[in-house]
């Protein structure tokens, strides 16, 4: 079980990919990450949490990239058309890393609607995949896997591209099962670090959690 109190081990250089390519239907449309939470946007909280853990961040989003200009991050759109889901955003991040940061061979992906991500996320995922001797790792809390919160080797990007464009694969867990995936576990107290603010009600719940546990 990994916690934020666990001393982080040195991790290989890892690029963070912030997934904002969804349609946010349950939030009424727009960019979920731009919703305010505790005096900042959810996206700003995700950026602040991932920046110390990563060797650079990119934002995966479709449509007008200018709406994210204030972040100062590179914005990369899906290369697979038709809102093909999180795997398309992960592929976009892997492609960006290969083209722009060839020295980086690992990418970590996170959604932009999870404001309480662990400070030990990247180290915990690397530890899990090393201990299991598999190429992929996924976060898990309270026994619940979070397939979008994962660690991906850039070397598998062509296999992922083939799965998306030729096989029509859209399920993360089906694709990762082909290669072997480890699970890195986190506790769910005082709150689940992978809490998603998908709806207005969940955003209100996140506000209440933050008011009760400011260190989240």
N, C-alpha and C. Protein backbone atom coordinates (compact mmCIF):
# COMPACT_ATOMS: atom_id res chain seq x y z
N UNK A 1 0.85 -1.20 0.00
CA UNK A 1 0.00 0.00 0.00
C UNK A 1 0.88 1.24 0.00
N UNK A 2 0.67 2.12 -0.96
CA UNK A 2 1.43 3.36 -1.05
C UNK A 2 0.65 4.49 -0.41
N UNK A 3 1.34 5.35 0.31
CA UNK A 3 0.73 6.56 0.85
C UNK A 3 1.65 7.73 0.54
N UNK A 4 1.14 8.94 0.76
CA UNK A 4 1.99 10.11 0.53
C UNK A 4 3.08 10.24 1.58
N UNK A 5 2.99 9.43 2.65
CA UNK A 5 4.05 9.41 3.64
C UNK A 5 5.17 8.45 3.25
N UNK A 6 4.93 7.61 2.23
CA UNK A 6 5.95 6.68 1.77
C UNK A 6 7.05 7.45 1.07
N UNK A 7 8.32 7.32 1.50
CA UNK A 7 9.39 8.07 0.84
C UNK A 7 9.48 7.69 -0.64
N UNK A 8 9.40 8.68 -1.53
CA UNK A 8 9.44 8.34 -2.95
C UNK A 8 10.83 7.89 -3.38
N UNK A 9 10.87 6.78 -4.10
CA UNK A 9 12.12 6.33 -4.68
C UNK A 9 12.37 7.09 -5.97
N UNK A 10 13.62 7.26 -6.36
CA UNK A 10 13.89 7.93 -7.63
C UNK A 10 13.18 7.20 -8.78
N UNK A 11 12.52 7.96 -9.62
CA UNK A 11 11.80 7.37 -10.75
C UNK A 11 12.49 7.75 -12.06
N UNK A 12 12.38 6.91 -13.08
CA UNK A 12 12.90 7.31 -14.39
C UNK A 12 12.19 8.56 -14.87
N UNK A 13 12.82 9.35 -15.74
CA UNK A 13 12.14 10.52 -16.29
C UNK A 13 10.78 10.13 -16.86
N UNK A 14 9.75 10.86 -16.45
CA UNK A 14 8.38 10.51 -16.80
C UNK A 14 7.62 11.77 -17.20
N UNK A 15 6.96 11.72 -18.35
CA UNK A 15 6.14 12.83 -18.82
C UNK A 15 4.72 12.66 -18.32
N UNK A 16 4.12 13.73 -17.81
CA UNK A 16 2.73 13.69 -17.39
C UNK A 16 1.80 14.13 -18.50
N UNK A 17 0.77 13.34 -18.75
CA UNK A 17 -0.24 13.67 -19.76
C UNK A 17 -1.57 13.87 -19.04
N UNK A 18 -2.10 15.07 -19.12
CA UNK A 18 -3.35 15.43 -18.45
C UNK A 18 -4.48 15.28 -19.46
N UNK A 19 -5.38 14.35 -19.18
CA UNK A 19 -6.42 13.99 -20.14
C UNK A 19 -7.65 14.87 -19.97
N UNK A 20 -7.87 15.75 -20.97
CA UNK A 20 -9.02 16.65 -20.94
C UNK A 20 -9.78 16.56 -22.26
N UNK A 21 -9.75 15.39 -22.88
CA UNK A 21 -10.35 15.24 -24.20
C UNK A 21 -11.79 14.79 -24.20
N UNK A 22 -12.39 14.59 -23.02
CA UNK A 22 -13.76 14.10 -22.96
C UNK A 22 -14.79 15.19 -23.22
N UNK A 23 -16.05 14.80 -23.25
CA UNK A 23 -17.13 15.73 -23.57
C UNK A 23 -17.82 16.29 -22.33
N UNK A 24 -17.53 15.75 -21.15
CA UNK A 24 -18.06 16.27 -19.87
C UNK A 24 -19.58 16.37 -19.88
N UNK A 25 -20.25 15.38 -20.43
CA UNK A 25 -21.72 15.43 -20.52
C UNK A 25 -22.37 15.51 -19.14
N UNK A 26 -21.84 14.75 -18.16
CA UNK A 26 -22.47 14.71 -16.84
C UNK A 26 -22.27 16.02 -16.06
N UNK A 27 -21.30 16.84 -16.51
CA UNK A 27 -21.09 18.13 -15.87
C UNK A 27 -21.81 19.24 -16.64
N UNK A 28 -22.55 18.85 -17.68
CA UNK A 28 -23.26 19.84 -18.47
C UNK A 28 -22.45 20.41 -19.61
N UNK A 29 -21.36 19.73 -19.98
CA UNK A 29 -20.52 20.19 -21.08
C UNK A 29 -19.40 21.09 -20.59
N UNK A 30 -18.55 21.50 -21.52
CA UNK A 30 -17.41 22.33 -21.17
C UNK A 30 -16.27 21.52 -20.62
N UNK A 31 -15.29 22.20 -20.06
CA UNK A 31 -14.09 21.54 -19.54
C UNK A 31 -14.22 21.37 -18.03
N UNK A 32 -14.33 20.12 -17.59
CA UNK A 32 -14.48 19.87 -16.15
C UNK A 32 -13.33 20.46 -15.36
N UNK A 33 -12.13 20.34 -15.92
CA UNK A 33 -10.96 20.81 -15.20
C UNK A 33 -10.94 22.30 -14.95
N UNK A 34 -11.74 23.06 -15.67
CA UNK A 34 -11.76 24.51 -15.50
C UNK A 34 -12.76 24.94 -14.42
N UNK A 35 -13.47 23.99 -13.82
CA UNK A 35 -14.41 24.34 -12.75
C UNK A 35 -13.63 24.74 -11.50
N UNK A 36 -14.11 25.78 -10.79
CA UNK A 36 -13.41 26.21 -9.58
C UNK A 36 -13.61 25.25 -8.42
N UNK A 37 -12.56 25.12 -7.62
CA UNK A 37 -12.62 24.27 -6.43
C UNK A 37 -11.66 24.85 -5.39
N UNK A 38 -12.20 25.33 -4.30
CA UNK A 38 -11.36 25.84 -3.22
C UNK A 38 -10.43 26.96 -3.61
N UNK A 39 -10.89 27.86 -4.47
CA UNK A 39 -10.08 29.01 -4.84
C UNK A 39 -9.17 28.81 -6.03
N UNK A 40 -9.19 27.63 -6.63
CA UNK A 40 -8.40 27.35 -7.83
C UNK A 40 -9.26 26.46 -8.74
N UNK A 41 -8.82 26.28 -9.97
CA UNK A 41 -9.53 25.33 -10.81
C UNK A 41 -9.05 23.91 -10.49
N UNK A 42 -9.88 22.94 -10.85
CA UNK A 42 -9.46 21.55 -10.69
C UNK A 42 -8.18 21.30 -11.48
N UNK A 43 -8.14 21.83 -12.70
CA UNK A 43 -6.95 21.64 -13.54
C UNK A 43 -5.70 22.21 -12.87
N UNK A 44 -5.82 23.39 -12.28
CA UNK A 44 -4.67 23.97 -11.60
C UNK A 44 -4.18 23.08 -10.47
N UNK A 45 -5.12 22.43 -9.77
CA UNK A 45 -4.75 21.52 -8.69
C UNK A 45 -4.04 20.27 -9.25
N UNK A 46 -4.52 19.77 -10.38
CA UNK A 46 -3.86 18.61 -11.00
C UNK A 46 -2.45 18.98 -11.44
N UNK A 47 -2.31 20.15 -12.06
CA UNK A 47 -0.99 20.59 -12.50
C UNK A 47 -0.04 20.74 -11.32
N UNK A 48 -0.52 21.36 -10.25
CA UNK A 48 0.32 21.55 -9.07
C UNK A 48 0.75 20.23 -8.46
N UNK A 49 -0.12 19.24 -8.48
CA UNK A 49 0.18 17.94 -7.88
C UNK A 49 1.16 17.14 -8.75
N UNK A 50 1.04 17.26 -10.07
CA UNK A 50 1.88 16.44 -10.96
C UNK A 50 3.23 17.08 -11.27
N UNK A 51 3.31 18.40 -11.27
CA UNK A 51 4.55 19.07 -11.69
C UNK A 51 5.78 18.58 -10.94
N UNK A 52 5.75 18.45 -9.60
CA UNK A 52 6.96 18.00 -8.92
C UNK A 52 7.31 16.54 -9.20
N UNK A 53 6.38 15.78 -9.72
CA UNK A 53 6.60 14.35 -9.93
C UNK A 53 7.06 14.01 -11.35
N UNK A 54 6.94 14.97 -12.26
CA UNK A 54 7.14 14.67 -13.68
C UNK A 54 8.24 15.53 -14.29
N UNK A 55 8.76 15.06 -15.42
CA UNK A 55 9.76 15.80 -16.17
C UNK A 55 9.08 16.54 -17.32
N UNK A 56 8.05 17.29 -16.99
CA UNK A 56 7.27 18.01 -17.98
C UNK A 56 5.85 17.49 -18.05
N UNK A 57 4.92 18.38 -18.46
CA UNK A 57 3.51 18.03 -18.59
C UNK A 57 3.01 18.47 -19.96
N UNK A 58 2.07 17.71 -20.51
CA UNK A 58 1.32 18.13 -21.69
C UNK A 58 -0.15 17.90 -21.40
N UNK A 59 -0.98 18.66 -22.10
CA UNK A 59 -2.42 18.58 -21.91
C UNK A 59 -3.05 18.02 -23.16
N UNK A 60 -3.78 16.93 -23.02
CA UNK A 60 -4.51 16.35 -24.15
C UNK A 60 -5.92 16.92 -24.17
N UNK A 61 -6.25 17.67 -25.22
CA UNK A 61 -7.57 18.27 -25.34
C UNK A 61 -7.89 18.47 -26.81
N UNK A 62 -9.17 18.38 -27.14
CA UNK A 62 -9.63 18.60 -28.50
C UNK A 62 -10.32 19.96 -28.60
N UNK A 63 -10.44 20.48 -29.79
CA UNK A 63 -11.04 21.80 -29.98
C UNK A 63 -10.01 22.90 -29.88
N UNK A 64 -10.46 24.10 -29.57
CA UNK A 64 -9.60 25.28 -29.54
C UNK A 64 -8.62 25.20 -28.37
N UNK A 65 -7.34 25.07 -28.70
CA UNK A 65 -6.32 24.95 -27.65
C UNK A 65 -6.13 26.24 -26.88
N UNK A 66 -6.58 27.36 -27.44
CA UNK A 66 -6.34 28.66 -26.80
C UNK A 66 -7.00 28.76 -25.44
N UNK A 67 -8.04 27.97 -25.20
CA UNK A 67 -8.73 28.07 -23.91
C UNK A 67 -7.86 27.60 -22.75
N UNK A 68 -6.76 26.91 -23.07
CA UNK A 68 -5.84 26.45 -22.03
C UNK A 68 -4.53 27.25 -22.04
N UNK A 69 -4.50 28.38 -22.74
CA UNK A 69 -3.26 29.13 -22.89
C UNK A 69 -2.66 29.55 -21.55
N UNK A 70 -3.53 29.83 -20.58
CA UNK A 70 -3.04 30.30 -19.27
C UNK A 70 -2.20 29.26 -18.55
N UNK A 71 -2.34 27.99 -18.91
CA UNK A 71 -1.55 26.95 -18.25
C UNK A 71 -0.10 26.96 -18.70
N UNK A 72 0.15 27.48 -19.90
CA UNK A 72 1.49 27.45 -20.45
C UNK A 72 1.95 26.08 -20.92
N UNK A 73 1.03 25.11 -20.95
CA UNK A 73 1.39 23.74 -21.32
C UNK A 73 1.17 23.50 -22.81
N UNK A 74 1.97 22.63 -23.43
CA UNK A 74 1.66 22.19 -24.78
C UNK A 74 0.31 21.47 -24.78
N UNK A 75 -0.51 21.74 -25.78
CA UNK A 75 -1.81 21.09 -25.91
C UNK A 75 -1.77 20.20 -27.14
N UNK A 76 -2.08 18.91 -26.93
CA UNK A 76 -2.06 17.95 -28.03
C UNK A 76 -3.45 17.33 -28.17
N UNK A 77 -3.94 17.31 -29.39
CA UNK A 77 -5.26 16.75 -29.67
C UNK A 77 -5.15 15.27 -30.00
N UNK A 78 -6.26 14.57 -29.90
CA UNK A 78 -6.31 13.17 -30.32
C UNK A 78 -5.94 13.07 -31.80
N UNK A 79 -5.15 12.08 -32.15
CA UNK A 79 -4.88 11.81 -33.57
C UNK A 79 -5.90 10.84 -34.14
N UNK A 80 -6.61 10.14 -33.27
CA UNK A 80 -7.67 9.22 -33.68
C UNK A 80 -8.98 10.00 -33.65
N UNK A 81 -9.72 10.09 -34.75
CA UNK A 81 -10.92 10.93 -34.78
C UNK A 81 -12.09 10.32 -34.03
N UNK A 82 -13.08 11.17 -33.77
CA UNK A 82 -14.35 10.68 -33.25
C UNK A 82 -14.40 10.48 -31.76
N UNK A 83 -13.60 11.21 -30.97
CA UNK A 83 -13.61 11.08 -29.51
C UNK A 83 -13.53 9.60 -29.11
N UNK A 84 -12.37 9.02 -29.42
CA UNK A 84 -12.18 7.58 -29.23
C UNK A 84 -11.90 7.20 -27.78
N UNK A 85 -11.96 8.15 -26.87
CA UNK A 85 -11.81 7.82 -25.46
C UNK A 85 -10.40 8.03 -24.93
N UNK A 86 -10.18 7.65 -23.66
CA UNK A 86 -8.89 7.93 -23.02
C UNK A 86 -7.69 7.31 -23.72
N UNK A 87 -7.86 6.14 -24.34
CA UNK A 87 -6.71 5.54 -25.02
C UNK A 87 -6.18 6.44 -26.12
N UNK A 88 -7.08 7.18 -26.80
CA UNK A 88 -6.64 8.10 -27.84
C UNK A 88 -5.82 9.24 -27.25
N UNK A 89 -6.23 9.72 -26.08
CA UNK A 89 -5.46 10.76 -25.42
C UNK A 89 -4.11 10.26 -24.96
N UNK A 90 -4.07 9.04 -24.46
CA UNK A 90 -2.80 8.44 -24.05
C UNK A 90 -1.87 8.29 -25.24
N UNK A 91 -2.42 7.83 -26.37
CA UNK A 91 -1.60 7.72 -27.58
C UNK A 91 -1.06 9.08 -28.00
N UNK A 92 -1.87 10.12 -27.91
CA UNK A 92 -1.41 11.46 -28.27
C UNK A 92 -0.24 11.87 -27.39
N UNK A 93 -0.31 11.54 -26.11
CA UNK A 93 0.79 11.85 -25.21
C UNK A 93 2.05 11.06 -25.52
N UNK A 94 1.89 9.78 -25.84
CA UNK A 94 3.03 8.95 -26.21
C UNK A 94 3.70 9.48 -27.47
N UNK A 95 2.88 9.87 -28.45
CA UNK A 95 3.42 10.41 -29.70
C UNK A 95 4.17 11.72 -29.45
N UNK A 96 3.59 12.58 -28.59
CA UNK A 96 4.26 13.85 -28.30
C UNK A 96 5.61 13.60 -27.63
N UNK A 97 5.64 12.66 -26.70
CA UNK A 97 6.91 12.35 -26.04
C UNK A 97 7.94 11.86 -27.03
N UNK A 98 7.55 10.97 -27.94
CA UNK A 98 8.49 10.42 -28.91
C UNK A 98 9.04 11.50 -29.82
N UNK A 99 8.20 12.46 -30.19
CA UNK A 99 8.61 13.50 -31.13
C UNK A 99 9.37 14.64 -30.47
N UNK A 100 9.04 14.94 -29.22
CA UNK A 100 9.57 16.15 -28.58
C UNK A 100 10.50 15.90 -27.41
N UNK A 101 10.37 14.76 -26.76
CA UNK A 101 11.21 14.44 -25.61
C UNK A 101 11.70 12.99 -25.75
N UNK A 102 12.50 12.70 -26.78
CA UNK A 102 12.88 11.31 -27.04
C UNK A 102 13.67 10.66 -25.92
N UNK A 103 14.21 11.48 -25.01
CA UNK A 103 14.95 10.90 -23.88
C UNK A 103 14.01 10.33 -22.82
N UNK A 104 12.73 10.64 -22.91
CA UNK A 104 11.75 10.15 -21.95
C UNK A 104 11.07 8.91 -22.51
N UNK A 105 11.08 7.83 -21.76
CA UNK A 105 10.49 6.58 -22.26
C UNK A 105 9.25 6.17 -21.46
N UNK A 106 8.84 7.01 -20.48
CA UNK A 106 7.66 6.71 -19.68
C UNK A 106 6.71 7.89 -19.67
N UNK A 107 5.43 7.58 -19.72
CA UNK A 107 4.37 8.59 -19.64
C UNK A 107 3.39 8.16 -18.56
N UNK A 108 2.98 9.11 -17.72
CA UNK A 108 1.92 8.85 -16.76
C UNK A 108 0.70 9.66 -17.18
N UNK A 109 -0.46 9.04 -17.15
CA UNK A 109 -1.69 9.73 -17.54
C UNK A 109 -2.60 9.91 -16.33
N UNK A 110 -3.26 11.07 -16.29
CA UNK A 110 -4.23 11.34 -15.23
C UNK A 110 -5.39 12.11 -15.83
N UNK A 111 -6.59 11.98 -15.27
CA UNK A 111 -7.70 12.80 -15.72
C UNK A 111 -7.61 14.19 -15.11
N UNK A 112 -8.27 15.16 -15.74
CA UNK A 112 -8.22 16.53 -15.23
C UNK A 112 -9.43 16.86 -14.36
N UNK A 113 -10.11 15.81 -13.88
CA UNK A 113 -11.22 16.04 -12.95
C UNK A 113 -10.96 15.37 -11.61
N UNK A 114 -9.68 15.07 -11.32
CA UNK A 114 -9.30 14.42 -10.06
C UNK A 114 -8.40 15.36 -9.26
N UNK A 115 -8.97 16.15 -8.37
CA UNK A 115 -8.19 17.20 -7.70
C UNK A 115 -7.30 16.74 -6.56
N UNK A 116 -7.42 15.48 -6.11
CA UNK A 116 -6.70 15.04 -4.92
C UNK A 116 -5.64 13.98 -5.23
N UNK A 117 -5.06 14.00 -6.40
CA UNK A 117 -4.11 12.96 -6.81
C UNK A 117 -2.96 12.83 -5.81
N UNK A 118 -2.45 11.60 -5.62
CA UNK A 118 -1.39 11.39 -4.62
C UNK A 118 -0.10 12.10 -5.00
N UNK A 119 0.59 12.59 -4.00
CA UNK A 119 1.93 13.16 -4.22
C UNK A 119 2.95 12.07 -4.54
N UNK A 120 2.58 10.83 -4.24
CA UNK A 120 3.48 9.68 -4.48
C UNK A 120 3.06 8.90 -5.73
N UNK A 121 2.25 9.50 -6.60
CA UNK A 121 1.66 8.74 -7.71
C UNK A 121 2.70 8.13 -8.64
N UNK A 122 3.59 8.95 -9.17
CA UNK A 122 4.54 8.46 -10.17
C UNK A 122 5.48 7.42 -9.57
N UNK A 123 6.01 7.71 -8.38
CA UNK A 123 6.90 6.75 -7.72
C UNK A 123 6.18 5.44 -7.42
N UNK A 124 4.93 5.53 -6.97
CA UNK A 124 4.17 4.32 -6.66
C UNK A 124 3.90 3.46 -7.88
N UNK A 125 3.58 4.09 -8.99
CA UNK A 125 3.33 3.33 -10.22
C UNK A 125 4.61 2.66 -10.72
N UNK A 126 5.72 3.38 -10.68
CA UNK A 126 6.98 2.76 -11.11
C UNK A 126 7.36 1.60 -10.19
N UNK A 127 7.17 1.77 -8.89
CA UNK A 127 7.49 0.70 -7.96
C UNK A 127 6.67 -0.56 -8.25
N UNK A 128 5.39 -0.35 -8.53
CA UNK A 128 4.51 -1.49 -8.79
C UNK A 128 4.92 -2.25 -10.04
N UNK A 129 5.23 -1.54 -11.11
CA UNK A 129 5.56 -2.26 -12.35
C UNK A 129 6.93 -2.95 -12.24
N UNK A 130 7.85 -2.35 -11.46
CA UNK A 130 9.15 -3.00 -11.26
C UNK A 130 8.99 -4.27 -10.43
N UNK A 131 8.21 -4.19 -9.37
CA UNK A 131 8.03 -5.36 -8.50
C UNK A 131 7.33 -6.50 -9.22
N UNK A 132 6.40 -6.16 -10.13
CA UNK A 132 5.67 -7.19 -10.86
C UNK A 132 6.37 -7.60 -12.16
N UNK A 133 7.42 -6.88 -12.54
CA UNK A 133 8.16 -7.16 -13.77
C UNK A 133 7.25 -7.16 -14.99
N UNK A 134 6.41 -6.13 -15.08
CA UNK A 134 5.51 -5.95 -16.22
C UNK A 134 5.69 -4.52 -16.73
N UNK A 135 5.27 -4.23 -17.97
CA UNK A 135 5.55 -2.92 -18.55
C UNK A 135 4.55 -1.83 -18.20
N UNK A 136 3.41 -2.19 -17.61
CA UNK A 136 2.36 -1.21 -17.36
C UNK A 136 1.96 -1.21 -15.90
N UNK A 137 1.48 -0.06 -15.43
CA UNK A 137 0.98 0.02 -14.06
C UNK A 137 -0.24 0.93 -14.02
N UNK A 138 -1.13 0.63 -13.07
CA UNK A 138 -2.40 1.33 -12.93
C UNK A 138 -2.64 1.60 -11.46
N UNK A 139 -3.25 2.74 -11.15
CA UNK A 139 -3.57 3.06 -9.76
C UNK A 139 -4.81 2.31 -9.31
N UNK A 140 -4.86 2.03 -8.01
CA UNK A 140 -6.01 1.36 -7.43
C UNK A 140 -6.20 1.89 -6.01
N UNK A 141 -7.46 2.08 -5.62
CA UNK A 141 -7.75 2.53 -4.25
C UNK A 141 -9.01 1.83 -3.77
N UNK A 142 -8.96 1.35 -2.54
CA UNK A 142 -10.11 0.64 -2.00
C UNK A 142 -10.53 -0.54 -2.85
N UNK A 143 -9.58 -1.17 -3.50
CA UNK A 143 -9.87 -2.31 -4.37
C UNK A 143 -10.39 -1.93 -5.74
N UNK A 144 -10.55 -0.64 -6.03
CA UNK A 144 -11.11 -0.17 -7.30
C UNK A 144 -9.99 0.31 -8.22
N UNK A 145 -9.79 -0.35 -9.36
CA UNK A 145 -8.77 0.13 -10.30
C UNK A 145 -9.22 1.43 -10.96
N UNK A 146 -8.23 2.23 -11.34
CA UNK A 146 -8.48 3.48 -12.05
C UNK A 146 -7.68 3.43 -13.35
N UNK A 147 -8.22 2.81 -14.39
CA UNK A 147 -7.44 2.54 -15.60
C UNK A 147 -6.84 3.77 -16.27
N UNK A 148 -7.49 4.93 -16.12
CA UNK A 148 -6.98 6.15 -16.77
C UNK A 148 -5.74 6.68 -16.05
N UNK A 149 -5.59 6.32 -14.77
CA UNK A 149 -4.41 6.75 -14.01
C UNK A 149 -3.37 5.66 -14.16
N UNK A 150 -2.52 5.82 -15.15
CA UNK A 150 -1.63 4.72 -15.47
C UNK A 150 -0.26 5.16 -15.94
N UNK A 151 0.63 4.19 -15.99
CA UNK A 151 2.00 4.39 -16.44
C UNK A 151 2.18 3.60 -17.73
N UNK A 152 2.72 4.29 -18.76
CA UNK A 152 2.76 3.73 -20.12
C UNK A 152 4.15 3.89 -20.72
N UNK A 153 4.74 2.80 -21.25
CA UNK A 153 6.01 2.94 -21.95
C UNK A 153 5.79 3.47 -23.37
N UNK A 154 6.61 4.43 -23.75
CA UNK A 154 6.49 5.01 -25.09
C UNK A 154 6.68 3.93 -26.16
N UNK A 155 7.46 2.90 -25.84
CA UNK A 155 7.73 1.84 -26.80
C UNK A 155 6.51 1.05 -27.24
N UNK A 156 5.39 1.17 -26.51
CA UNK A 156 4.18 0.43 -26.90
C UNK A 156 3.22 1.27 -27.74
N UNK A 157 3.66 2.46 -28.18
CA UNK A 157 2.71 3.34 -28.84
C UNK A 157 2.21 2.81 -30.19
N UNK A 158 3.05 2.12 -30.93
CA UNK A 158 2.58 1.60 -32.22
C UNK A 158 1.59 0.46 -32.04
N UNK A 159 1.78 -0.33 -31.00
CA UNK A 159 0.81 -1.38 -30.70
C UNK A 159 -0.53 -0.75 -30.30
N UNK A 160 -0.46 0.32 -29.52
CA UNK A 160 -1.68 1.01 -29.12
C UNK A 160 -2.36 1.65 -30.33
N UNK A 161 -1.58 2.24 -31.23
CA UNK A 161 -2.16 2.85 -32.43
C UNK A 161 -2.89 1.80 -33.27
N UNK A 162 -2.28 0.64 -33.40
CA UNK A 162 -2.91 -0.43 -34.17
C UNK A 162 -4.21 -0.88 -33.50
N UNK A 163 -4.18 -0.99 -32.19
CA UNK A 163 -5.38 -1.41 -31.46
C UNK A 163 -6.52 -0.41 -31.66
N UNK A 164 -6.19 0.88 -31.65
CA UNK A 164 -7.21 1.91 -31.79
C UNK A 164 -7.73 2.04 -33.21
N UNK A 165 -6.82 2.05 -34.17
CA UNK A 165 -7.21 2.39 -35.54
C UNK A 165 -7.61 1.20 -36.39
N UNK A 166 -7.05 0.04 -36.11
CA UNK A 166 -7.36 -1.14 -36.91
C UNK A 166 -8.33 -2.06 -36.20
N UNK A 167 -8.11 -2.27 -34.91
CA UNK A 167 -8.97 -3.19 -34.15
C UNK A 167 -10.18 -2.51 -33.55
N UNK A 168 -10.17 -1.18 -33.49
CA UNK A 168 -11.29 -0.47 -32.89
C UNK A 168 -11.38 -0.63 -31.38
N UNK A 169 -10.27 -0.93 -30.74
CA UNK A 169 -10.27 -1.12 -29.28
C UNK A 169 -10.49 0.21 -28.57
N UNK A 170 -11.36 0.20 -27.56
CA UNK A 170 -11.63 1.40 -26.78
C UNK A 170 -11.49 1.15 -25.27
N UNK A 171 -11.41 -0.10 -24.86
CA UNK A 171 -11.35 -0.44 -23.44
C UNK A 171 -9.90 -0.51 -22.97
N UNK A 172 -9.58 0.34 -22.01
CA UNK A 172 -8.21 0.38 -21.52
C UNK A 172 -7.78 -0.96 -20.95
N UNK A 173 -8.62 -1.56 -20.10
CA UNK A 173 -8.19 -2.77 -19.41
C UNK A 173 -8.02 -3.95 -20.36
N UNK A 174 -8.76 -3.97 -21.47
CA UNK A 174 -8.55 -5.06 -22.44
C UNK A 174 -7.19 -4.92 -23.11
N UNK A 175 -6.82 -3.70 -23.44
CA UNK A 175 -5.53 -3.51 -24.10
C UNK A 175 -4.37 -3.76 -23.13
N UNK A 176 -4.48 -3.25 -21.92
CA UNK A 176 -3.37 -3.43 -20.98
C UNK A 176 -3.18 -4.89 -20.60
N UNK A 177 -4.27 -5.67 -20.60
CA UNK A 177 -4.17 -7.08 -20.24
C UNK A 177 -3.28 -7.85 -21.21
N UNK A 178 -3.16 -7.37 -22.43
CA UNK A 178 -2.31 -8.06 -23.41
C UNK A 178 -0.83 -8.03 -23.00
N UNK A 179 -0.44 -6.98 -22.31
CA UNK A 179 0.98 -6.74 -22.08
C UNK A 179 1.41 -7.02 -20.65
N UNK A 180 0.46 -7.03 -19.74
CA UNK A 180 0.76 -7.23 -18.32
C UNK A 180 0.75 -5.92 -17.58
N UNK A 181 -0.06 -5.86 -16.53
CA UNK A 181 -0.21 -4.61 -15.79
C UNK A 181 -0.16 -4.89 -14.29
N UNK A 182 0.52 -4.02 -13.58
CA UNK A 182 0.59 -4.09 -12.12
C UNK A 182 -0.36 -3.04 -11.54
N UNK A 183 -0.77 -3.26 -10.29
CA UNK A 183 -1.64 -2.31 -9.61
C UNK A 183 -0.91 -1.71 -8.41
N UNK A 184 -0.92 -0.40 -8.35
CA UNK A 184 -0.35 0.32 -7.21
C UNK A 184 -1.50 0.79 -6.33
N UNK A 185 -1.49 0.41 -5.06
CA UNK A 185 -2.63 0.66 -4.17
C UNK A 185 -2.41 1.87 -3.28
N UNK A 186 -3.50 2.63 -3.12
CA UNK A 186 -3.52 3.75 -2.18
C UNK A 186 -4.72 3.62 -1.26
N UNK A 187 -4.60 4.12 -0.03
CA UNK A 187 -5.74 4.08 0.90
C UNK A 187 -6.79 5.12 0.50
N UNK A 188 -8.00 4.94 1.02
CA UNK A 188 -9.11 5.84 0.70
C UNK A 188 -9.49 6.71 1.90
N UNK A 189 -8.59 6.82 2.87
CA UNK A 189 -8.81 7.71 4.02
C UNK A 189 -7.70 8.76 4.04
N UNK A 190 -8.00 10.01 4.37
CA UNK A 190 -9.33 10.51 4.73
C UNK A 190 -10.28 10.64 3.54
N UNK A 191 -9.75 10.53 2.30
CA UNK A 191 -10.59 10.58 1.11
C UNK A 191 -9.88 9.81 0.01
N UNK A 192 -10.65 9.35 -0.95
CA UNK A 192 -10.08 8.65 -2.09
C UNK A 192 -9.24 9.63 -2.91
N UNK A 193 -7.94 9.36 -3.08
CA UNK A 193 -7.11 10.30 -3.84
C UNK A 193 -7.48 10.36 -5.32
N UNK A 194 -8.29 9.41 -5.77
CA UNK A 194 -8.70 9.39 -7.18
C UNK A 194 -10.16 9.78 -7.36
N UNK A 195 -10.68 10.50 -6.38
CA UNK A 195 -12.03 11.05 -6.46
C UNK A 195 -12.18 11.85 -7.75
N UNK A 196 -13.27 11.59 -8.49
CA UNK A 196 -13.57 12.32 -9.73
C UNK A 196 -14.73 13.27 -9.49
N UNK A 197 -14.58 14.50 -9.94
CA UNK A 197 -15.68 15.46 -9.93
C UNK A 197 -16.32 15.47 -11.31
N UNK A 198 -17.23 14.51 -11.52
CA UNK A 198 -17.87 14.32 -12.82
C UNK A 198 -19.19 15.05 -12.95
N UNK A 199 -19.80 15.39 -11.83
CA UNK A 199 -21.12 16.01 -11.83
C UNK A 199 -21.10 17.22 -10.89
N UNK A 200 -22.09 18.11 -11.00
CA UNK A 200 -22.16 19.23 -10.05
C UNK A 200 -22.23 18.75 -8.60
N UNK A 201 -22.91 17.64 -8.37
CA UNK A 201 -23.02 17.10 -7.01
C UNK A 201 -21.65 16.64 -6.49
N UNK A 202 -20.89 15.99 -7.36
CA UNK A 202 -19.56 15.55 -6.95
C UNK A 202 -18.61 16.73 -6.75
N UNK A 203 -18.79 17.79 -7.53
CA UNK A 203 -17.98 18.98 -7.31
C UNK A 203 -18.28 19.59 -5.94
N UNK A 204 -19.55 19.61 -5.56
CA UNK A 204 -19.92 20.09 -4.23
C UNK A 204 -19.33 19.19 -3.15
N UNK A 205 -19.31 17.88 -3.40
CA UNK A 205 -18.70 16.95 -2.44
C UNK A 205 -17.21 17.21 -2.30
N UNK A 206 -16.55 17.51 -3.43
CA UNK A 206 -15.12 17.82 -3.38
C UNK A 206 -14.86 19.08 -2.57
N UNK A 207 -15.73 20.09 -2.71
CA UNK A 207 -15.60 21.32 -1.91
C UNK A 207 -15.70 20.99 -0.42
N UNK A 208 -16.65 20.12 -0.07
CA UNK A 208 -16.83 19.76 1.33
C UNK A 208 -15.61 19.00 1.86
N UNK A 209 -15.06 18.10 1.06
CA UNK A 209 -13.87 17.35 1.47
C UNK A 209 -12.69 18.29 1.68
N UNK A 210 -12.53 19.23 0.77
CA UNK A 210 -11.40 20.15 0.86
C UNK A 210 -11.53 21.05 2.07
N UNK A 211 -12.77 21.45 2.39
CA UNK A 211 -12.99 22.28 3.57
C UNK A 211 -12.66 21.50 4.85
N UNK A 212 -12.95 20.19 4.82
CA UNK A 212 -12.71 19.36 6.01
C UNK A 212 -11.26 18.91 6.12
N UNK A 213 -10.64 18.64 4.97
CA UNK A 213 -9.25 18.15 4.95
C UNK A 213 -8.43 19.04 4.00
N UNK A 214 -8.00 20.20 4.45
CA UNK A 214 -7.30 21.15 3.56
C UNK A 214 -6.04 20.59 2.92
N UNK A 215 -5.41 19.59 3.55
CA UNK A 215 -4.17 19.03 2.99
C UNK A 215 -4.40 18.14 1.78
N UNK A 216 -5.66 17.84 1.48
CA UNK A 216 -5.94 17.06 0.29
C UNK A 216 -5.42 17.76 -0.96
